[in-house]
Amino acid sequence: MEQNKQDIDHLISLCREKNRNAQFEVYNRYYKTMYNTAFRIVKESHWAEDIMQESFLKAFTKLDSFKGEVTFGAWLKRIVINDSLDNYKKINKNVTAPIDSVLYKVSDTTQEDYRFDITDLKVQQILETLKSLKDNYRIALTLLYIEGYDQEEICEIMNINAGNCRTLISRAKESLREKLQRQ
């Protein structure tokens, strides 16, 4: 693992010097993961491909802003997620309601803690059901469970406050649970 980190650090330093071979190597290491990240958000292959390409270009031109506080992969993934969300909003600007318009404050005492045993369900079934959720639910759960972001990061990415984030995730989980139980 340490060797891989040193290797990517060396590649990044070469990329800062505009070394095309190093850029190509970095691209080859990360393009599948970044494409999948974009695809889970925009849900269309050609858009995901475009977003992934644009994100790599942005990353290579902004390498000076990469300080190494997080891994390069995490930094690149943040670029891809932000670009995906921005493009998704543009693509669906007439279809999607703002996230805040579907959220309202719910007292913690009315929230039930649902426990749903998903061990018998196939991963593919869960992913397919996840795709059928409302867009803001799908994005929140994708960021939480698939991309591994915590709620604070999700708040920042989705540009919502902590209370709305907790409510959104709670409702998204409940919606997913209900759809899975119906199947």
C-alpha atoms as a PDB file:
ATOM      1  CA  MET A   1       0.000   0.000   0.000  1.00  0.00           C
ATOM      2  CA  GLU A   2       2.833   2.366   0.894  1.00  0.00           C
ATOM      3  CA  GLN A   3       4.544   1.597  -2.426  1.00  0.00           C
ATOM      4  CA  ASN A   4       1.343   2.479  -4.303  1.00  0.00           C
ATOM      5  CA  LYS A   5       1.102   5.816  -2.438  1.00  0.00           C
ATOM      6  CA  GLN A   6       4.709   6.650  -3.285  1.00  0.00           C
ATOM      7  CA  ASP A   7       4.086   5.613  -6.876  1.00  0.00           C
ATOM      8  CA  ILE A   8       1.012   7.850  -7.253  1.00  0.00           C
ATOM      9  CA  ASP A   9       2.830  10.727  -5.540  1.00  0.00           C
ATOM     10  CA  HIS A  10       5.632  10.377  -8.082  1.00  0.00           C
ATOM     11  CA  LEU A  11       3.106  10.265 -10.948  1.00  0.00           C
ATOM     12  CA  ILE A  12       1.377  13.383  -9.626  1.00  0.00           C
ATOM     13  CA  SER A  13       4.684  15.257  -9.482  1.00  0.00           C
ATOM     14  CA  LEU A  14       5.312  14.249 -13.113  1.00  0.00           C
ATOM     15  CA  CYS A  15       1.788  15.361 -14.033  1.00  0.00           C
ATOM     16  CA  ARG A  16       2.516  18.774 -12.519  1.00  0.00           C
ATOM     17  CA  GLU A  17       5.378  18.969 -15.024  1.00  0.00           C
ATOM     18  CA  LYS A  18       2.849  18.234 -17.831  1.00  0.00           C
ATOM     19  CA  ASN A  19       4.250  14.751 -18.483  1.00  0.00           C
ATOM     20  CA  ARG A  20       1.687  13.154 -20.833  1.00  0.00           C
ATOM     21  CA  ASN A  21       2.737   9.585 -20.026  1.00  0.00           C
ATOM     22  CA  ALA A  22       2.211  10.206 -16.318  1.00  0.00           C
ATOM     23  CA  GLN A  23      -1.193  11.780 -17.014  1.00  0.00           C
ATOM     24  CA  PHE A  24      -2.152   8.768 -19.107  1.00  0.00           C
ATOM     25  CA  GLU A  25      -1.047   6.407 -16.315  1.00  0.00           C
ATOM     26  CA  VAL A  26      -3.062   8.333 -13.705  1.00  0.00           C
ATOM     27  CA  TYR A  27      -6.061   8.313 -16.041  1.00  0.00           C
ATOM     28  CA  ASN A  28      -5.765   4.539 -16.535  1.00  0.00           C
ATOM     29  CA  ARG A  29      -5.633   3.942 -12.788  1.00  0.00           C
ATOM     30  CA  TYR A  30      -8.722   5.988 -11.948  1.00  0.00           C
ATOM     31  CA  TYR A  31     -11.010   6.245 -14.984  1.00  0.00           C
ATOM     32  CA  LYS A  32     -13.217   3.209 -14.225  1.00  0.00           C
ATOM     33  CA  THR A  33     -13.878   4.278 -10.653  1.00  0.00           C
ATOM     34  CA  MET A  34     -14.562   7.871 -11.666  1.00  0.00           C
ATOM     35  CA  TYR A  35     -16.853   6.808 -14.515  1.00  0.00           C
ATOM     36  CA  ASN A  36     -18.848   4.609 -12.108  1.00  0.00           C
ATOM     37  CA  THR A  37     -19.098   7.478  -9.625  1.00  0.00           C
ATOM     38  CA  ALA A  38     -20.425   9.835 -12.307  1.00  0.00           C
ATOM     39  CA  PHE A  39     -22.766   7.191 -13.719  1.00  0.00           C
ATOM     40  CA  ARG A  40     -24.389   6.517 -10.341  1.00  0.00           C
ATOM     41  CA  ILE A  41     -25.304  10.194 -10.136  1.00  0.00           C
ATOM     42  CA  VAL A  42     -26.309  11.119 -13.696  1.00  0.00           C
ATOM     43  CA  LYS A  43     -27.644   7.670 -14.680  1.00  0.00           C
ATOM     44  CA  GLU A  44     -26.663   8.045 -18.350  1.00  0.00           C
ATOM     45  CA  SER A  45     -23.555   6.517 -19.852  1.00  0.00           C
ATOM     46  CA  HIS A  46     -22.691   9.274 -22.324  1.00  0.00           C
ATOM     47  CA  TRP A  47     -23.085  11.999 -19.685  1.00  0.00           C
ATOM     48  CA  ALA A  48     -20.997  10.024 -17.206  1.00  0.00           C
ATOM     49  CA  GLU A  49     -18.254   9.618 -19.819  1.00  0.00           C
ATOM     50  CA  ASP A  50     -18.245  13.353 -20.582  1.00  0.00           C
ATOM     51  CA  ILE A  51     -18.226  14.307 -16.914  1.00  0.00           C
ATOM     52  CA  MET A  52     -15.408  11.904 -16.172  1.00  0.00           C
ATOM     53  CA  GLN A  53     -13.311  13.322 -19.040  1.00  0.00           C
ATOM     54  CA  GLU A  54     -13.980  16.922 -17.997  1.00  0.00           C
ATOM     55  CA  SER A  55     -13.146  16.096 -14.390  1.00  0.00           C
ATOM     56  CA  PHE A  56      -9.776  14.656 -15.371  1.00  0.00           C
ATOM     57  CA  LEU A  57      -9.025  17.750 -17.431  1.00  0.00           C
ATOM     58  CA  LYS A  58      -9.993  19.957 -14.512  1.00  0.00           C
ATOM     59  CA  ALA A  59      -7.870  17.891 -12.129  1.00  0.00           C
ATOM     60  CA  PHE A  60      -4.797  18.037 -14.374  1.00  0.00           C
ATOM     61  CA  THR A  61      -5.124  21.797 -14.855  1.00  0.00           C
ATOM     62  CA  LYS A  62      -5.705  22.402 -11.123  1.00  0.00           C
ATOM     63  CA  LEU A  63      -3.010  20.085  -9.764  1.00  0.00           C
ATOM     64  CA  ASP A  64      -1.372  23.028  -8.033  1.00  0.00           C
ATOM     65  CA  SER A  65      -4.381  23.202  -5.717  1.00  0.00           C
ATOM     66  CA  PHE A  66      -3.907  19.538  -4.691  1.00  0.00           C
ATOM     67  CA  LYS A  67      -2.102  19.833  -1.359  1.00  0.00           C
ATOM     68  CA  GLY A  68      -2.020  16.147  -0.472  1.00  0.00           C
ATOM     69  CA  GLU A  69      -4.256  16.546   2.597  1.00  0.00           C
ATOM     70  CA  VAL A  70      -6.336  13.661   1.248  1.00  0.00           C
ATOM     71  CA  THR A  71      -5.380  10.977  -1.230  1.00  0.00           C
ATOM     72  CA  PHE A  72      -5.320  11.939  -4.873  1.00  0.00           C
ATOM     73  CA  GLY A  73      -8.170   9.495  -5.546  1.00  0.00           C
ATOM     74  CA  ALA A  74     -10.377  11.139  -2.921  1.00  0.00           C
ATOM     75  CA  TRP A  75      -9.555  14.600  -4.302  1.00  0.00           C
ATOM     76  CA  LEU A  76     -10.364  13.479  -7.841  1.00  0.00           C
ATOM     77  CA  LYS A  77     -13.576  11.762  -6.705  1.00  0.00           C
ATOM     78  CA  ARG A  78     -14.732  15.008  -5.070  1.00  0.00           C
ATOM     79  CA  ILE A  79     -14.207  16.790  -8.412  1.00  0.00           C
ATOM     80  CA  VAL A  80     -16.175  14.083 -10.233  1.00  0.00           C
ATOM     81  CA  ILE A  81     -19.037  14.185  -7.716  1.00  0.00           C
ATOM     82  CA  ASN A  82     -19.260  17.973  -7.830  1.00  0.00           C
ATOM     83  CA  ASP A  83     -19.180  17.985 -11.640  1.00  0.00           C
ATOM     84  CA  SER A  84     -21.755  15.179 -11.749  1.00  0.00           C
ATOM     85  CA  LEU A  85     -24.134  17.004  -9.433  1.00  0.00           C
ATOM     86  CA  ASP A  86     -23.705  20.277 -11.337  1.00  0.00           C
ATOM     87  CA  ASN A  87     -24.322  18.584 -14.673  1.00  0.00           C
ATOM     88  CA  TYR A  88     -27.217  16.555 -13.327  1.00  0.00           C
ATOM     89  CA  LYS A  89     -28.911  19.767 -12.201  1.00  0.00           C
ATOM     90  CA  LYS A  90     -28.361  21.319 -15.636  1.00  0.00           C
ATOM     91  CA  ILE A  91     -29.626  18.235 -17.460  1.00  0.00           C
ATOM     92  CA  ASN A  92     -32.749  18.010 -15.313  1.00  0.00           C
ATOM     93  CA  LYS A  93     -33.317  21.644 -14.393  1.00  0.00           C
ATOM     94  CA  ASN A  94     -36.926  21.565 -15.574  1.00  0.00           C
ATOM     95  CA  VAL A  95     -37.662  18.186 -14.031  1.00  0.00           C
ATOM     96  CA  THR A  96     -36.064  18.263 -10.594  1.00  0.00           C
ATOM     97  CA  ALA A  97     -37.512  20.158  -7.662  1.00  0.00           C
ATOM     98  CA  PRO A  98     -34.999  21.767  -5.337  1.00  0.00           C
ATOM     99  CA  ILE A  99     -33.988  19.531  -2.463  1.00  0.00           C
ATOM    100  CA  ASP A 100     -35.170  22.066   0.122  1.00  0.00           C
ATOM    101  CA  SER A 101     -38.680  22.046  -1.344  1.00  0.00           C
ATOM    102  CA  VAL A 102     -39.197  18.389  -0.441  1.00  0.00           C
ATOM    103  CA  LEU A 103     -37.737  18.602   3.040  1.00  0.00           C
ATOM    104  CA  TYR A 104     -39.499  19.744   6.135  1.00  0.00           C
ATOM    105  CA  LYS A 105     -38.481  19.574   9.754  1.00  0.00           C
ATOM    106  CA  VAL A 106     -39.646  16.461  11.551  1.00  0.00           C
ATOM    107  CA  SER A 107     -39.378  16.030  15.291  1.00  0.00           C
ATOM    108  CA  ASP A 108     -36.916  13.397  16.414  1.00  0.00           C
ATOM    109  CA  THR A 109     -39.671  11.805  18.479  1.00  0.00           C
ATOM    110  CA  THR A 110     -41.649  10.975  15.325  1.00  0.00           C
ATOM    111  CA  GLN A 111     -38.690   9.323  13.649  1.00  0.00           C
ATOM    112  CA  GLU A 112     -38.721   5.559  13.929  1.00  0.00           C
ATOM    113  CA  ASP A 113     -35.545   3.590  13.755  1.00  0.00           C
ATOM    114  CA  TYR A 114     -36.266   1.003  11.095  1.00  0.00           C
ATOM    115  CA  ARG A 115     -34.200  -2.076  10.926  1.00  0.00           C
ATOM    116  CA  PHE A 116     -34.442  -4.083   7.768  1.00  0.00           C
ATOM    117  CA  ASP A 117     -32.563  -7.302   7.217  1.00  0.00           C
ATOM    118  CA  ILE A 118     -31.167  -7.127   3.709  1.00  0.00           C
ATOM    119  CA  THR A 119     -28.921 -10.159   3.946  1.00  0.00           C
ATOM    120  CA  ASP A 120     -31.323 -12.182   1.807  1.00  0.00           C
ATOM    121  CA  LEU A 121     -31.475  -9.591  -0.936  1.00  0.00           C
ATOM    122  CA  LYS A 122     -29.052  -9.583  -3.791  1.00  0.00           C
ATOM    123  CA  VAL A 123     -26.839  -6.551  -4.201  1.00  0.00           C
ATOM    124  CA  GLN A 124     -28.082  -6.077  -7.751  1.00  0.00           C
ATOM    125  CA  GLN A 125     -31.680  -5.907  -6.532  1.00  0.00           C
ATOM    126  CA  ILE A 126     -30.730  -3.232  -4.010  1.00  0.00           C
ATOM    127  CA  LEU A 127     -28.863  -1.209  -6.634  1.00  0.00           C
ATOM    128  CA  GLU A 128     -31.778  -1.453  -9.062  1.00  0.00           C
ATOM    129  CA  THR A 129     -34.211  -0.360  -6.351  1.00  0.00           C
ATOM    130  CA  LEU A 130     -31.864   2.491  -5.417  1.00  0.00           C
ATOM    131  CA  LYS A 131     -32.095   3.740  -9.020  1.00  0.00           C
ATOM    132  CA  SER A 132     -35.878   3.952  -8.709  1.00  0.00           C
ATOM    133  CA  LEU A 133     -35.771   6.350  -5.747  1.00  0.00           C
ATOM    134  CA  LYS A 134     -36.369  10.073  -6.070  1.00  0.00           C
ATOM    135  CA  ASP A 135     -33.207  11.749  -7.303  1.00  0.00           C
ATOM    136  CA  ASN A 136     -32.256  13.461  -4.049  1.00  0.00           C
ATOM    137  CA  TYR A 137     -32.824  10.206  -2.108  1.00  0.00           C
ATOM    138  CA  ARG A 138     -30.755   8.214  -4.605  1.00  0.00           C
ATOM    139  CA  ILE A 139     -27.916  10.724  -4.535  1.00  0.00           C
ATOM    140  CA  ALA A 140     -27.846  10.929  -0.728  1.00  0.00           C
ATOM    141  CA  LEU A 141     -27.790   7.148  -0.266  1.00  0.00           C
ATOM    142  CA  THR A 142     -25.213   6.720  -3.036  1.00  0.00           C
ATOM    143  CA  LEU A 143     -22.926   9.241  -1.372  1.00  0.00           C
ATOM    144  CA  LEU A 144     -23.461   7.637   2.038  1.00  0.00           C
ATOM    145  CA  TYR A 145     -23.294   3.914   1.301  1.00  0.00           C
ATOM    146  CA  ILE A 146     -21.511   3.547  -2.024  1.00  0.00           C
ATOM    147  CA  GLU A 147     -19.093   6.462  -2.009  1.00  0.00           C
ATOM    148  CA  GLY A 148     -18.533   6.325   1.756  1.00  0.00           C
ATOM    149  CA  TYR A 149     -19.046   9.983   2.609  1.00  0.00           C
ATOM    150  CA  ASP A 150     -20.183  10.937   6.095  1.00  0.00           C
ATOM    151  CA  GLN A 151     -23.195  13.166   6.727  1.00  0.00           C
ATOM    152  CA  GLU A 152     -21.101  16.290   7.147  1.00  0.00           C
ATOM    153  CA  GLU A 153     -19.530  15.766   3.717  1.00  0.00           C
ATOM    154  CA  ILE A 154     -22.930  15.022   2.197  1.00  0.00           C
ATOM    155  CA  CYS A 155     -24.232  18.325   3.602  1.00  0.00           C
ATOM    156  CA  GLU A 156     -21.398  20.140   1.884  1.00  0.00           C
ATOM    157  CA  ILE A 157     -21.729  18.259  -1.418  1.00  0.00           C
ATOM    158  CA  MET A 158     -25.518  18.645  -1.605  1.00  0.00           C
ATOM    159  CA  ASN A 159     -25.449  22.149  -0.163  1.00  0.00           C
ATOM    160  CA  ILE A 160     -27.967  21.443   2.609  1.00  0.00           C
ATOM    161  CA  ASN A 161     -27.842  21.915   6.369  1.00  0.00           C
ATOM    162  CA  ALA A 162     -27.262  19.095   8.857  1.00  0.00           C
ATOM    163  CA  GLY A 163     -30.919  18.816   9.893  1.00  0.00           C
ATOM    164  CA  ASN A 164     -32.087  18.545   6.299  1.00  0.00           C
ATOM    165  CA  CYS A 165     -29.376  15.984   5.614  1.00  0.00           C
ATOM    166  CA  ARG A 166     -30.455  13.750   8.511  1.00  0.00           C
ATOM    167  CA  THR A 167     -34.089  14.029   7.417  1.00  0.00           C
ATOM    168  CA  LEU A 168     -33.223  13.366   3.785  1.00  0.00           C
ATOM    169  CA  ILE A 169     -31.181  10.271   4.609  1.00  0.00           C
ATOM    170  CA  SER A 170     -33.835   8.983   7.009  1.00  0.00           C
ATOM    171  CA  ARG A 171     -36.568   9.383   4.401  1.00  0.00           C
ATOM    172  CA  ALA A 172     -34.375   7.914   1.693  1.00  0.00           C
ATOM    173  CA  LYS A 173     -33.682   4.833   3.837  1.00  0.00           C
ATOM    174  CA  GLU A 174     -37.392   4.465   4.588  1.00  0.00           C
ATOM    175  CA  SER A 175     -38.298   4.801   0.913  1.00  0.00           C
ATOM    176  CA  LEU A 176     -35.687   2.207  -0.041  1.00  0.00           C
ATOM    177  CA  ARG A 177     -36.881  -0.135   2.705  1.00  0.00           C
ATOM    178  CA  GLU A 178     -40.522   0.154   1.571  1.00  0.00           C
ATOM    179  CA  LYS A 179     -39.651  -0.495  -2.075  1.00  0.00           C
ATOM    180  CA  LEU A 180     -37.514  -3.492  -1.164  1.00  0.00           C
ATOM    181  CA  GLN A 181     -40.277  -4.965   1.011  1.00  0.00           C
ATOM    182  CA  ARG A 182     -42.764  -4.646  -1.865  1.00  0.00           C
ATOM    183  CA  GLN A 183     -40.529  -6.730  -4.106  1.00  0.00           C
END
